Protein backbone atom coordinates (compact mmCIF):
# COMPACT_ATOMS: atom_id res chain seq x y z
CA MET A 1 -20.25 2.68 9.93
CA SER A 2 -22.90 0.24 11.08
CA THR A 3 -24.12 0.07 14.68
CA SER A 4 -22.62 -3.41 15.00
CA LEU A 5 -19.26 -2.06 13.95
CA ARG A 6 -19.45 0.71 16.55
CA THR A 7 -20.51 -1.81 19.18
CA ARG A 8 -17.74 -4.20 18.26
CA GLY A 9 -15.17 -1.41 18.52
CA LEU A 10 -16.26 -0.65 22.07
CA ALA A 11 -16.29 -4.31 23.01
CA ALA A 12 -12.87 -4.93 21.57
CA THR A 13 -11.46 -2.42 24.02
CA ALA A 14 -13.12 -4.18 26.92
CA VAL A 15 -11.88 -7.58 25.79
CA ALA A 16 -8.30 -6.46 26.01
CA ALA A 17 -8.32 -4.09 28.94
CA ALA A 18 -5.28 -5.90 30.28
CA ALA A 19 -3.44 -5.80 26.98
CA ALA A 20 -0.92 -3.16 25.99
CA LEU A 21 -2.24 -0.78 23.35
CA LEU A 22 0.56 -0.33 20.86
CA LEU A 23 0.82 2.25 18.12
CA SER A 24 2.63 -0.35 16.09
CA ALA A 25 4.22 -3.72 16.63
CA CYS A 26 6.79 -5.42 14.51
CA GLY A 27 8.08 -8.96 14.32
CA ASP A 28 7.51 -12.62 13.55
CA SER A 29 3.83 -13.40 14.09
CA SER A 30 4.25 -17.16 14.04
CA LEU A 31 4.30 -17.55 17.81
CA PRO A 32 0.85 -17.61 19.43
CA ALA A 33 -0.32 -15.46 22.30
CA ALA A 34 -3.06 -15.79 24.89
CA SER A 35 -5.75 -14.47 22.54
CA GLY A 36 -8.21 -17.34 22.48
CA THR A 37 -6.14 -19.47 20.12
CA ASP A 38 -5.08 -23.10 20.24
CA ALA A 39 -1.38 -22.28 20.51
CA ASP A 40 0.08 -25.45 19.00
CA ALA A 41 -2.45 -25.62 16.17
CA TYR A 42 -2.01 -21.92 15.41
CA GLN A 43 1.75 -22.24 15.18
CA GLN A 44 1.39 -25.26 12.90
CA VAL A 45 -0.92 -23.39 10.54
CA ILE A 46 1.63 -20.62 10.10
CA ALA A 47 4.49 -23.10 9.74
CA ASN A 48 2.62 -24.94 6.97
CA ALA A 49 1.44 -21.82 5.15
CA PRO A 50 2.37 -21.69 1.45
CA VAL A 51 4.93 -19.40 -0.20
CA ALA A 52 4.29 -17.82 -3.61
CA ALA A 53 6.31 -18.78 -6.64
CA ALA A 54 8.65 -16.09 -7.95
CA ALA A 55 6.56 -15.85 -11.12
CA ASP A 56 3.53 -14.80 -9.06
CA ILE A 57 5.28 -11.62 -7.89
CA PRO A 58 6.02 -9.44 -10.94
CA ALA A 59 8.67 -6.73 -10.86
CA GLY A 60 7.32 -3.30 -10.02
CA SER A 61 4.31 -4.64 -8.13
CA LEU A 62 3.41 -3.83 -4.55
CA MET A 63 4.07 -7.49 -3.73
CA ALA A 64 7.63 -7.13 -5.02
CA ALA A 65 8.13 -4.08 -2.81
CA ILE A 66 6.85 -6.02 0.21
CA ARG A 67 9.14 -8.94 -0.62
CA ASP A 68 12.16 -6.65 -0.94
CA ARG A 69 11.26 -4.92 2.32
CA GLY A 70 10.99 -8.27 4.08
CA GLU A 71 7.74 -7.64 5.95
CA LEU A 72 4.07 -6.90 5.38
CA VAL A 73 2.78 -3.62 6.80
CA GLN A 74 -0.69 -4.51 8.06
CA GLY A 75 -3.34 -2.09 9.16
CA GLY A 76 -5.10 -3.82 12.04
CA THR A 77 -5.82 -3.91 15.74
CA ASP A 78 -4.43 -5.79 18.71
CA THR A 79 -7.38 -5.61 21.06
CA ALA A 80 -9.88 -8.16 19.72
CA ALA A 81 -9.76 -11.61 21.28
CA ILE A 82 -10.11 -14.45 18.75
CA PHE A 83 -9.39 -12.14 15.80
CA SER A 84 -6.33 -10.10 16.75
CA LEU A 85 -5.06 -9.69 20.29
CA THR A 86 -1.56 -8.88 21.52
CA ASP A 87 -0.20 -10.72 24.54
CA PRO A 88 1.53 -7.98 26.58
CA ALA A 89 3.91 -10.55 28.05
CA THR A 90 5.30 -11.62 24.68
CA GLY A 91 4.33 -8.81 22.31
CA LYS A 92 2.92 -11.41 19.90
CA THR A 93 -0.38 -10.77 18.15
CA THR A 94 -2.54 -13.77 17.27
CA GLY A 95 -6.07 -14.61 16.19
CA PHE A 96 -7.89 -15.22 12.92
CA ASP A 97 -7.08 -11.84 11.36
CA ALA A 98 -3.55 -11.86 12.77
CA GLY A 99 -3.02 -15.36 11.41
CA LEU A 100 -4.16 -14.30 7.95
CA ALA A 101 -1.71 -11.39 8.06
CA ALA A 102 1.13 -13.71 9.06
CA MET A 103 0.21 -16.18 6.32
CA LEU A 104 -0.01 -13.44 3.69
CA ALA A 105 3.36 -12.06 4.79
CA LYS A 106 4.86 -15.53 4.51
CA TYR A 107 3.29 -16.05 1.08
CA ILE A 108 4.99 -12.90 -0.19
CA THR A 109 8.29 -12.79 1.73
CA GLY A 110 8.85 -16.39 2.78
CA LYS A 111 8.50 -15.56 6.48
CA PRO A 112 5.54 -14.46 8.65
CA ALA A 113 7.00 -11.02 9.38
CA VAL A 114 4.30 -8.42 10.01
CA LYS A 115 4.52 -4.79 11.09
CA LEU A 116 1.19 -3.95 12.70
CA VAL A 117 -0.06 -0.38 12.35
CA GLN A 118 -3.09 0.41 14.50
CA VAL A 119 -6.19 1.49 12.59
CA GLN A 120 -9.44 3.09 13.67
CA VAL A 121 -12.72 2.73 11.81
CA GLY A 122 -12.27 6.21 10.35
CA SER A 123 -8.60 5.87 9.40
CA ARG A 124 -8.58 2.69 7.31
CA GLU A 125 -9.33 4.23 3.92
CA ALA A 126 -6.88 7.09 4.45
CA LEU A 127 -4.04 4.72 5.38
CA LEU A 128 -4.65 2.64 2.26
CA GLN A 129 -5.02 5.66 0.00
CA SER A 130 -1.72 7.10 1.25
CA ASN A 131 0.04 3.72 0.96
CA ALA A 132 0.92 3.86 4.67
CA VAL A 133 -0.11 0.20 4.91
CA ASP A 134 0.00 -2.65 2.41
CA ALA A 135 -3.31 -4.16 3.50
CA VAL A 136 -5.96 -3.71 6.17
CA ILE A 137 -7.01 -6.94 7.87
CA ALA A 138 -9.25 -5.87 10.75
CA THR A 139 -12.80 -7.32 10.60
CA TYR A 140 -13.26 -4.77 7.81
CA THR A 141 -16.77 -5.06 6.40
CA ILE A 142 -17.04 -4.76 2.62
CA THR A 143 -19.51 -2.13 1.43
CA PRO A 144 -19.98 -0.57 -2.01
CA GLN A 145 -19.37 2.87 -0.50
CA ARG A 146 -16.01 1.86 0.95
CA ALA A 147 -15.10 0.06 -2.27
CA GLU A 148 -15.23 3.42 -4.07
CA LYS A 149 -12.20 4.46 -2.00
CA VAL A 150 -10.15 1.25 -1.64
CA GLY A 151 -9.77 -2.20 -3.16
CA PHE A 152 -11.41 -5.11 -1.34
CA ALA A 153 -10.09 -8.65 -1.66
CA GLY A 154 -12.39 -11.35 -0.39
CA PRO A 155 -14.67 -11.69 1.40
CA TYR A 156 -12.57 -13.97 3.59
CA TYR A 157 -15.03 -14.37 6.49
CA SER A 158 -18.74 -13.86 6.98
CA SER A 159 -19.83 -12.56 10.36
CA GLY A 160 -23.11 -11.08 11.55
CA ASN A 161 -25.55 -11.48 14.40
CA ALA A 162 -25.02 -14.67 16.38
CA ILE A 163 -26.22 -16.24 19.62
CA LEU A 164 -24.63 -16.55 23.07
CA VAL A 165 -26.15 -18.88 25.69
CA ARG A 166 -25.22 -20.38 29.06
CA ARG A 167 -22.48 -22.99 28.85
CA GLY A 168 -24.79 -25.87 29.81
CA ASP A 169 -27.60 -24.97 27.40
CA THR A 170 -28.18 -27.68 24.78
CA GLU A 171 -31.59 -26.54 23.51
CA ILE A 172 -30.62 -23.36 21.66
CA THR A 173 -28.38 -23.97 18.67
CA GLU A 174 -29.91 -21.76 15.95
CA VAL A 175 -31.99 -18.63 15.58
CA GLY A 176 -35.31 -20.47 15.25
CA HIS A 177 -34.85 -21.82 18.75
CA LEU A 178 -35.18 -18.28 20.12
CA ASN A 179 -38.94 -18.25 19.52
CA ASP A 180 -40.93 -18.09 22.77
CA ARG A 181 -37.73 -17.41 24.73
CA THR A 182 -36.37 -14.30 26.41
CA VAL A 183 -33.59 -12.82 24.29
CA CYS A 184 -31.53 -9.78 25.20
CA THR A 185 -29.50 -7.41 23.09
CA GLN A 186 -28.07 -3.93 23.37
CA THR A 187 -30.25 -0.87 23.13
CA SER A 188 -27.93 0.80 20.62
CA SER A 189 -27.70 -2.14 18.21
CA THR A 190 -29.80 -3.22 15.24
CA ALA A 191 -29.94 -6.80 16.57
CA ALA A 192 -33.42 -6.28 18.05
CA GLN A 193 -34.81 -5.84 14.54
CA ASN A 194 -33.07 -9.01 13.39
CA ILE A 195 -34.35 -11.01 16.36
CA ALA A 196 -37.90 -9.87 15.57
CA LYS A 197 -37.41 -10.83 11.94
CA PHE A 198 -35.90 -14.29 12.44
CA ALA A 199 -37.61 -15.26 15.71
CA PRO A 200 -40.85 -13.25 15.75
CA SER A 201 -42.22 -14.76 18.96
CA ALA A 202 -39.07 -14.11 21.00
CA ARG A 203 -39.41 -11.82 24.01
CA ILE A 204 -36.82 -9.08 23.50
CA VAL A 205 -35.16 -7.38 26.48
CA LEU A 206 -32.83 -4.40 25.95
CA PHE A 207 -29.78 -3.48 28.03
CA ASP A 208 -27.36 -0.62 27.63
CA THR A 209 -24.09 -2.58 27.64
CA ASN A 210 -22.53 -5.81 26.53
CA ALA A 211 -21.66 -6.69 30.14
CA GLN A 212 -25.30 -6.35 31.23
CA CYS A 213 -26.45 -8.66 28.44
CA VAL A 214 -23.87 -11.31 29.27
CA GLN A 215 -24.76 -11.10 32.96
CA ALA A 216 -28.46 -11.50 32.17
CA VAL A 217 -27.71 -14.76 30.36
CA GLN A 218 -25.45 -16.01 33.14
CA GLN A 219 -28.11 -15.28 35.77
CA GLY A 220 -30.94 -16.86 33.78
CA ARG A 221 -32.82 -13.58 33.28
CA ALA A 222 -32.39 -14.11 29.53
CA ASP A 223 -32.13 -17.35 27.60
CA ALA A 224 -29.82 -15.92 24.97
CA TYR A 225 -27.95 -12.81 23.89
CA VAL A 226 -27.86 -11.77 20.23
CA ILE A 227 -25.32 -9.32 18.81
CA ASP A 228 -22.47 -9.32 16.29
CA GLN A 229 -20.50 -12.57 16.47
CA ALA A 230 -17.12 -10.88 16.91
CA LEU A 231 -18.41 -9.25 20.10
CA LEU A 232 -19.87 -12.51 21.41
CA LEU A 233 -16.62 -14.36 20.77
CA GLY A 234 -14.81 -11.92 23.02
CA SER A 235 -17.40 -12.43 25.76
CA ALA A 236 -17.19 -16.22 25.48
CA TYR A 237 -13.39 -16.03 25.56
CA ARG A 238 -13.50 -14.09 28.84
CA GLU A 239 -16.11 -16.39 30.44
CA PRO A 240 -15.50 -19.83 28.86
CA ASP A 241 -16.96 -21.75 31.82
CA LYS A 242 -20.16 -19.72 31.88
CA VAL A 243 -21.23 -18.91 28.32
CA LYS A 244 -20.72 -20.12 24.76
CA VAL A 245 -21.47 -19.05 21.19
CA VAL A 246 -23.69 -21.44 19.25
CA GLY A 247 -24.42 -21.88 15.56
CA GLU A 248 -23.37 -19.61 12.74
CA PRO A 249 -24.26 -15.94 12.17
CA PHE A 250 -27.78 -15.56 10.79
CA THR A 251 -27.19 -12.14 9.23
CA ALA A 252 -24.41 -11.25 6.82
CA GLU A 253 -21.47 -8.97 7.47
CA PRO A 254 -18.72 -9.92 5.00
CA TYR A 255 -15.16 -9.10 6.02
CA GLY A 256 -12.66 -8.17 3.33
CA ILE A 257 -8.96 -7.36 3.09
CA GLY A 258 -8.52 -3.72 2.18
CA THR A 259 -5.85 -3.00 -0.45
CA PRO A 260 -4.44 0.30 -1.78
CA PRO A 261 -6.60 1.69 -4.60
CA ASN A 262 -3.54 2.60 -6.69
CA HIS A 263 -2.29 -1.00 -6.61
CA PRO A 264 -5.05 -3.11 -8.20
CA GLU A 265 -2.52 -5.92 -8.64
CA MET A 266 -2.50 -6.37 -4.86
CA LYS A 267 -6.24 -7.06 -4.78
CA THR A 268 -5.91 -9.65 -7.53
CA PHE A 269 -2.93 -11.24 -5.80
CA VAL A 270 -4.65 -11.43 -2.42
CA ASN A 271 -7.78 -12.92 -3.98
CA ASP A 272 -5.68 -15.63 -5.64
CA TRP A 273 -3.96 -16.31 -2.31
CA LEU A 274 -7.29 -16.57 -0.49
CA ARG A 275 -8.50 -19.12 -3.02
CA LYS A 276 -5.28 -21.06 -2.50
CA ILE A 277 -5.51 -21.24 1.30
CA GLN A 278 -9.18 -22.16 1.06
CA ALA A 279 -8.39 -24.99 -1.33
CA ASP A 280 -5.42 -26.41 0.57
CA GLY A 281 -7.17 -26.43 3.96
CA SER A 282 -5.13 -23.64 5.55
CA TRP A 283 -8.18 -21.39 5.99
CA ALA A 284 -10.09 -24.16 7.76
CA ALA A 285 -7.11 -25.01 9.95
CA LEU A 286 -6.75 -21.37 11.00
CA TRP A 287 -10.47 -21.17 11.78
CA ARG A 288 -10.23 -24.23 14.01
CA ALA A 289 -7.21 -22.79 15.85
CA THR A 290 -8.90 -19.43 16.51
CA VAL A 291 -12.64 -18.93 16.00
CA GLY A 292 -13.25 -22.66 16.40
CA THR A 293 -11.89 -22.62 19.96
CA THR A 294 -14.98 -20.62 20.97
CA VAL A 295 -17.66 -21.39 18.36
CA GLU A 296 -19.07 -24.90 18.51
CA GLY A 297 -19.81 -26.86 15.35
CA GLU A 298 -18.15 -27.71 12.07
CA VAL A 299 -15.86 -25.39 10.13
CA PRO A 300 -18.10 -23.18 7.95
CA ALA A 301 -17.56 -22.95 4.23
CA PRO A 302 -15.55 -19.80 3.49
CA PRO A 303 -17.43 -17.17 1.49
CA ALA A 304 -16.88 -17.16 -2.25
CA ILE A 305 -14.34 -14.58 -3.42
CA GLY A 306 -16.03 -11.64 -5.11
CA SER A 307 -19.48 -12.75 -3.96
CA VAL A 308 -20.67 -9.49 -2.35
CA PRO A 309 -21.14 -5.96 -3.71
CA GLY A 310 -17.89 -4.04 -3.45
CA SER A 311 -15.62 -7.08 -3.61
C-alpha cells in the first residue's frame, strides 16, 4: 500500500465524519446525495446510462448471475466525498466511483441497483477471491503485485499528486508554478519528493496532518498544498469558499475496477463497458457531475484501457 493510499484512507474518514458508516447498503443508486455532486446532472447521467444487449451476457457468466440476481454487489466505501459518499439523511451513495457502480449495474441488470459492501485496503483482494463481491470500485490503484491476485479492468481514472490553493489564487494552475513558492505537504507522504522533482526551487514545508496543510494555505503561510488528488478534493468540498483544486494530477496513480480472478469474463466485459461509456460521453458527463464540481478546467481524457502494468 502506498503512502498516498494510507493518507487518503485517513482523510476519507475525516471527510465524512458526519456520515453514517454502514457495513453494507442496498438500493437504487440513481438518486444523488450531498457528496459533492451536481445532483441534477448526476441523476441524468445514470438515467441515460446504456444497457447491454442480451448477446453481451452469455449464459453461465458472472454477468448472467448478476442479471438474474437483479443487483451488482460492489466492494467500495461510503466515506469519500466526490468519489463515494453516503448521505445519512437519504442512505444514497453518490460520487464518481458510486456513479460508475450504478452505471455498471444498470448495464448488466437494466437498473442501477447496487449492494455496497464496505472494503478496507487489506480486504479487497480477499473479497474478490472469495466471490463475496462482483467488483471492487474504490479508488483501487492498479499494481502488478495486486494483479497477481485479482483481475483489473481499466484503468478508468488517473489520479496522483495535485495542487490545492486559496480560492482567489489565479497564478498557480500547474506544478511548474510552484517554483519559488512555499508549498506544504504531509510529513508522512511521498509528495515532498515529487514537489522537489517537478518544482525544484519550491520551498517545502511539512505538517503532520491534512488539516494543518489546508489551514496553512488558507492563512497564507503556504501558497499551495500538494498531496493525492482524492484527498484534496475532499478538502475542497468541505471548504469550497476558501480553497480549490487546480490543474490535473502531475504524478500517476491509475485506478482500476477489481474483478474476481476466477471470472476472467467479467474483466473483459467491464473493459468493453468502459470503452463504451468513454465513447458515448457518459464517462465525461459523470466526471463533470462529480469530480468536475471541485476541479477546475476541462474534462480530462480518460486513460486508455489496458495502458498500465497489471491492467
